[in-house]
């Protein structure tokens, strides 16, 4: 006397995909932020990898002030 369970109610693929994409996004954003921050002691002489974009604080401040004027 077993009832058939719809396959869609058992599927966990969507939550797993969302978690994987979220982990990759968090890792990428965290890496960019870390490489653009002040270097911790012992890392001052290390160079920035080529794939990490340079983010300048002055550009961020200018973008915020421009958006407030609109």
C-alpha atoms as a PDB file:
ATOM      1  CA  UNK A   1       0.000   0.000   0.000  1.00  0.00           C
ATOM      2  CA  UNK A   2       2.572   2.554  -1.000  1.00  0.00           C
ATOM      3  CA  UNK A   3       1.486   5.802  -2.538  1.00  0.00           C
ATOM      4  CA  UNK A   4       3.298   7.227  -5.503  1.00  0.00           C
ATOM      5  CA  UNK A   5       5.167  10.398  -4.601  1.00  0.00           C
ATOM      6  CA  UNK A   6       5.432  12.990  -7.374  1.00  0.00           C
ATOM      7  CA  UNK A   7       9.010  13.257  -8.549  1.00  0.00           C
ATOM      8  CA  UNK A   8       9.033  17.071  -8.377  1.00  0.00           C
ATOM      9  CA  UNK A   9       8.398  17.102  -4.611  1.00  0.00           C
ATOM     10  CA  UNK A  10      11.481  14.950  -3.927  1.00  0.00           C
ATOM     11  CA  UNK A  11      13.853  16.829  -6.222  1.00  0.00           C
ATOM     12  CA  UNK A  12      16.609  18.757  -4.476  1.00  0.00           C
ATOM     13  CA  UNK A  13      18.469  19.892  -7.558  1.00  0.00           C
ATOM     14  CA  UNK A  14      17.194  23.490  -7.498  1.00  0.00           C
ATOM     15  CA  UNK A  15      18.313  24.259  -3.918  1.00  0.00           C
ATOM     16  CA  UNK A  16      21.659  22.582  -4.528  1.00  0.00           C
ATOM     17  CA  UNK A  17      22.232  24.608  -7.711  1.00  0.00           C
ATOM     18  CA  UNK A  18      21.336  27.834  -5.864  1.00  0.00           C
ATOM     19  CA  UNK A  19      23.788  26.984  -3.065  1.00  0.00           C
ATOM     20  CA  UNK A  20      26.591  26.190  -5.498  1.00  0.00           C
ATOM     21  CA  UNK A  21      26.064  29.412  -7.482  1.00  0.00           C
ATOM     22  CA  UNK A  22      25.885  31.421  -4.236  1.00  0.00           C
ATOM     23  CA  UNK A  23      29.106  29.877  -2.957  1.00  0.00           C
ATOM     24  CA  UNK A  24      30.921  30.657  -6.207  1.00  0.00           C
ATOM     25  CA  UNK A  25      29.619  34.250  -6.185  1.00  0.00           C
ATOM     26  CA  UNK A  26      30.591  34.784  -2.538  1.00  0.00           C
ATOM     27  CA  UNK A  27      34.061  33.363  -3.123  1.00  0.00           C
ATOM     28  CA  UNK A  28      34.608  35.548  -6.193  1.00  0.00           C
ATOM     29  CA  UNK A  29      33.368  38.746  -4.546  1.00  0.00           C
ATOM     30  CA  UNK A  30      35.360  38.016  -1.389  1.00  0.00           C
ATOM     31  CA  UNK A  31      38.535  37.399  -3.386  1.00  0.00           C
ATOM     32  CA  UNK A  32      38.187  40.679  -5.278  1.00  0.00           C
ATOM     33  CA  UNK A  33      37.557  42.554  -2.016  1.00  0.00           C
ATOM     34  CA  UNK A  34      40.520  40.911  -0.294  1.00  0.00           C
ATOM     35  CA  UNK A  35      42.927  41.640  -3.135  1.00  0.00           C
ATOM     36  CA  UNK A  36      41.766  45.267  -3.253  1.00  0.00           C
ATOM     37  CA  UNK A  37      42.088  45.778   0.501  1.00  0.00           C
ATOM     38  CA  UNK A  38      45.182  46.802   2.415  1.00  0.00           C
ATOM     39  CA  UNK A  39      47.584  43.890   2.549  1.00  0.00           C
ATOM     40  CA  UNK A  40      47.956  42.144   5.907  1.00  0.00           C
ATOM     41  CA  UNK A  41      51.424  41.922   7.505  1.00  0.00           C
ATOM     42  CA  UNK A  42      53.671  39.700   5.425  1.00  0.00           C
ATOM     43  CA  UNK A  43      51.668  40.144   2.203  1.00  0.00           C
ATOM     44  CA  UNK A  44      52.763  43.709   1.342  1.00  0.00           C
ATOM     45  CA  UNK A  45      55.168  42.601  -1.389  1.00  0.00           C
ATOM     46  CA  UNK A  46      52.747  40.194  -3.096  1.00  0.00           C
ATOM     47  CA  UNK A  47      51.390  41.271  -6.464  1.00  0.00           C
ATOM     48  CA  UNK A  48      47.752  41.369  -7.493  1.00  0.00           C
ATOM     49  CA  UNK A  49      46.725  38.546  -9.876  1.00  0.00           C
ATOM     50  CA  UNK A  50      45.925  39.626 -13.435  1.00  0.00           C
ATOM     51  CA  UNK A  51      42.298  38.476 -13.265  1.00  0.00           C
ATOM     52  CA  UNK A  52      41.416  40.696 -10.259  1.00  0.00           C
ATOM     53  CA  UNK A  53      40.152  44.130 -11.343  1.00  0.00           C
ATOM     54  CA  UNK A  54      41.621  47.261  -9.759  1.00  0.00           C
ATOM     55  CA  UNK A  55      38.985  49.128  -7.745  1.00  0.00           C
ATOM     56  CA  UNK A  56      39.903  52.672  -6.755  1.00  0.00           C
ATOM     57  CA  UNK A  57      38.211  54.323  -3.748  1.00  0.00           C
ATOM     58  CA  UNK A  58      38.073  57.687  -5.534  1.00  0.00           C
ATOM     59  CA  UNK A  59      36.080  56.150  -8.390  1.00  0.00           C
ATOM     60  CA  UNK A  60      33.590  54.663  -5.935  1.00  0.00           C
ATOM     61  CA  UNK A  61      33.155  57.972  -4.118  1.00  0.00           C
ATOM     62  CA  UNK A  62      32.676  59.819  -7.418  1.00  0.00           C
ATOM     63  CA  UNK A  63      30.064  57.285  -8.559  1.00  0.00           C
ATOM     64  CA  UNK A  64      28.090  57.673  -5.332  1.00  0.00           C
ATOM     65  CA  UNK A  65      28.157  61.467  -5.424  1.00  0.00           C
ATOM     66  CA  UNK A  66      27.092  61.453  -9.100  1.00  0.00           C
ATOM     67  CA  UNK A  67      24.155  59.181  -8.357  1.00  0.00           C
ATOM     68  CA  UNK A  68      23.008  61.435  -5.482  1.00  0.00           C
ATOM     69  CA  UNK A  69      22.950  64.490  -7.784  1.00  0.00           C
ATOM     70  CA  UNK A  70      20.484  62.839 -10.173  1.00  0.00           C
END
